[in-house]
C-alpha atoms as a PDB file:
ATOM      1  CA  ASP A   1      98.253  69.451  99.804  1.00  0.00           C
ATOM      2  CA  ARG A   2      97.175  70.999 103.096  1.00  0.00           C
ATOM      3  CA  ILE A   3      94.699  73.301 101.386  1.00  0.00           C
ATOM      4  CA  ARG A   4      93.406  70.613  99.030  1.00  0.00           C
ATOM      5  CA  ASP A   5      92.867  68.268 101.983  1.00  0.00           C
ATOM      6  CA  ALA A   6      91.030  70.969 103.936  1.00  0.00           C
ATOM      7  CA  VAL A   7      88.686  71.529 100.968  1.00  0.00           C
ATOM      8  CA  ALA A   8      88.111  67.787 100.577  1.00  0.00           C
ATOM      9  CA  ARG A   9      87.222  67.495 104.277  1.00  0.00           C
ATOM     10  CA  GLY A  10      84.804  70.429 103.972  1.00  0.00           C
ATOM     11  CA  GLU A  11      86.780  72.546 106.428  1.00  0.00           C
ATOM     12  CA  VAL A  12      87.060  75.437 103.954  1.00  0.00           C
ATOM     13  CA  ALA A  13      85.195  76.449 100.809  1.00  0.00           C
ATOM     14  CA  LEU A  14      86.428  77.803  97.494  1.00  0.00           C
ATOM     15  CA  GLU A  15      83.558  80.274  97.318  1.00  0.00           C
ATOM     16  CA  ARG A  16      80.216  81.027  98.866  1.00  0.00           C
ATOM     17  CA  LYS A  17      77.495  78.764  97.544  1.00  0.00           C
ATOM     18  CA  ARG A  18      74.564  80.450  95.822  1.00  0.00           C
ATOM     19  CA  GLY A  19      71.024  79.271  95.307  1.00  0.00           C
ATOM     20  CA  ALA A  20      69.232  79.115  91.968  1.00  0.00           C
ATOM     21  CA  ASP A  21      67.838  82.595  92.603  1.00  0.00           C
ATOM     22  CA  GLY A  22      71.352  84.000  93.063  1.00  0.00           C
ATOM     23  CA  GLU A  23      70.890  84.589  96.763  1.00  0.00           C
ATOM     24  CA  GLY A  24      73.614  83.424  99.111  1.00  0.00           C
ATOM     25  CA  ILE A  25      72.961  80.351 101.198  1.00  0.00           C
ATOM     26  CA  ALA A  26      73.850  80.664 104.861  1.00  0.00           C
ATOM     27  CA  ASP A  27      77.061  78.748 105.276  1.00  0.00           C
ATOM     28  CA  ASN A  28      79.412  78.818 108.232  1.00  0.00           C
ATOM     29  CA  THR A  29      82.267  77.218 106.315  1.00  0.00           C
ATOM     30  CA  PRO A  30      85.158  79.677 106.092  1.00  0.00           C
ATOM     31  CA  LEU A  31      86.620  80.565 102.701  1.00  0.00           C
ATOM     32  CA  ILE A  32      90.087  79.493 101.595  1.00  0.00           C
ATOM     33  CA  LYS A  33      91.118  83.126 101.218  1.00  0.00           C
ATOM     34  CA  ASP A  34      90.305  83.759 104.877  1.00  0.00           C
ATOM     35  CA  VAL A  35      91.927  80.647 106.349  1.00  0.00           C
ATOM     36  CA  PHE A  36      94.909  80.353 104.016  1.00  0.00           C
ATOM     37  CA  GLY A  37      95.400  84.012 103.102  1.00  0.00           C
ATOM     38  CA  SER A  38      99.189  84.072 103.206  1.00  0.00           C
ATOM     39  CA  GLU A  39      99.514  80.859 101.204  1.00  0.00           C
ATOM     40  CA  ARG A  40      97.048  82.208  98.642  1.00  0.00           C
ATOM     41  CA  ARG A  41      99.010  85.461  98.273  1.00  0.00           C
ATOM     42  CA  ARG A  42     102.266  83.553  97.807  1.00  0.00           C
ATOM     43  CA  ALA A  43     100.669  81.272  95.203  1.00  0.00           C
ATOM     44  CA  LYS A  44      99.329  84.264  93.282  1.00  0.00           C
ATOM     45  CA  MET A  45     102.740  85.937  93.395  1.00  0.00           C
ATOM     46  CA  LEU A  46     104.390  82.745  92.162  1.00  0.00           C
ATOM     47  CA  ASN A  47     101.876  82.309  89.334  1.00  0.00           C
ATOM     48  CA  PHE A  48     102.249  85.861  88.065  1.00  0.00           C
ATOM     49  CA  SER A  49     106.041  85.793  88.455  1.00  0.00           C
ATOM     50  CA  ILE A  50     106.476  82.715  86.303  1.00  0.00           C
ATOM     51  CA  ALA A  51     103.778  83.707  83.805  1.00  0.00           C
ATOM     52  CA  TYR A  52     105.558  87.004  83.192  1.00  0.00           C
ATOM     53  CA  GLY A  53     108.978  85.453  82.775  1.00  0.00           C
ATOM     54  CA  LYS A  54     110.617  85.026  86.171  1.00  0.00           C
ATOM     55  CA  THR A  55     113.368  82.426  85.892  1.00  0.00           C
ATOM     56  CA  ALA A  56     114.366  79.736  88.363  1.00  0.00           C
ATOM     57  CA  HIS A  57     117.381  81.871  89.263  1.00  0.00           C
ATOM     58  CA  GLY A  58     115.142  84.834  90.042  1.00  0.00           C
ATOM     59  CA  LEU A  59     112.750  82.689  92.057  1.00  0.00           C
ATOM     60  CA  ALA A  60     115.614  81.208  94.073  1.00  0.00           C
ATOM     61  CA  ASN A  61     116.811  84.699  94.975  1.00  0.00           C
ATOM     62  CA  ASP A  62     113.351  86.117  95.683  1.00  0.00           C
ATOM     63  CA  TRP A  63     112.051  83.191  97.715  1.00  0.00           C
ATOM     64  CA  GLY A  64     115.277  82.134  99.433  1.00  0.00           C
ATOM     65  CA  VAL A  65     115.256  78.582  98.091  1.00  0.00           C
ATOM     66  CA  SER A  66     117.926  76.547  96.351  1.00  0.00           C
ATOM     67  CA  PRO A  67     118.287  76.884  92.586  1.00  0.00           C
ATOM     68  CA  GLU A  68     117.310  73.214  92.290  1.00  0.00           C
ATOM     69  CA  GLU A  69     114.094  73.688  94.241  1.00  0.00           C
ATOM     70  CA  ALA A  70     113.267  76.785  92.209  1.00  0.00           C
ATOM     71  CA  GLN A  71     113.840  74.883  88.956  1.00  0.00           C
ATOM     72  CA  GLU A  72     111.638  72.021  90.151  1.00  0.00           C
ATOM     73  CA  THR A  73     108.904  74.563  90.923  1.00  0.00           C
ATOM     74  CA  VAL A  74     109.175  76.208  87.498  1.00  0.00           C
ATOM     75  CA  THR A  75     109.208  72.840  85.731  1.00  0.00           C
ATOM     76  CA  ALA A  76     106.129  71.636  87.645  1.00  0.00           C
ATOM     77  CA  TRP A  77     104.354  74.948  87.004  1.00  0.00           C
ATOM     78  CA  TYR A  78     104.890  74.722  83.236  1.00  0.00           C
ATOM     79  CA  ARG A  79     103.914  71.044  83.196  1.00  0.00           C
ATOM     80  CA  GLU A  80     100.437  72.104  84.345  1.00  0.00           C
ATOM     81  CA  ARG A  81     100.290  75.223  82.135  1.00  0.00           C
ATOM     82  CA  GLN A  82     101.813  74.301  78.798  1.00  0.00           C
ATOM     83  CA  GLU A  83      99.642  76.871  77.029  1.00  0.00           C
ATOM     84  CA  VAL A  84     101.466  79.636  78.929  1.00  0.00           C
ATOM     85  CA  LEU A  85     104.835  78.266  77.826  1.00  0.00           C
ATOM     86  CA  ARG A  86     103.651  78.206  74.201  1.00  0.00           C
ATOM     87  CA  TRP A  87     102.393  81.787  74.535  1.00  0.00           C
ATOM     88  CA  GLN A  88     105.701  82.924  76.028  1.00  0.00           C
ATOM     89  CA  GLN A  89     107.624  81.253  73.216  1.00  0.00           C
ATOM     90  CA  GLN A  90     105.421  82.944  70.603  1.00  0.00           C
ATOM     91  CA  ILE A  91     105.939  86.451  71.953  1.00  0.00           C
ATOM     92  CA  ARG A  92     109.722  86.184  72.333  1.00  0.00           C
END
């Protein structure tokens, strides 16, 4: 929520804006990856871990959270990415 709120307030940008000619527009707004680098890396690690089969048990061990919190994270992740769950079920 912190990152989403920062974007909504215009404090950070998802990417550099470009003009119709493809040239960058001068913009002093910092990018998410620069301001929230560690959070972004953790989110990417989480996404790839679950997409490639990491279980709630594995997440709990790797991230030092309770099994319940890990399961809630996995459940929420799949709720937003049901196509990945279907793909995983197909290849098993």
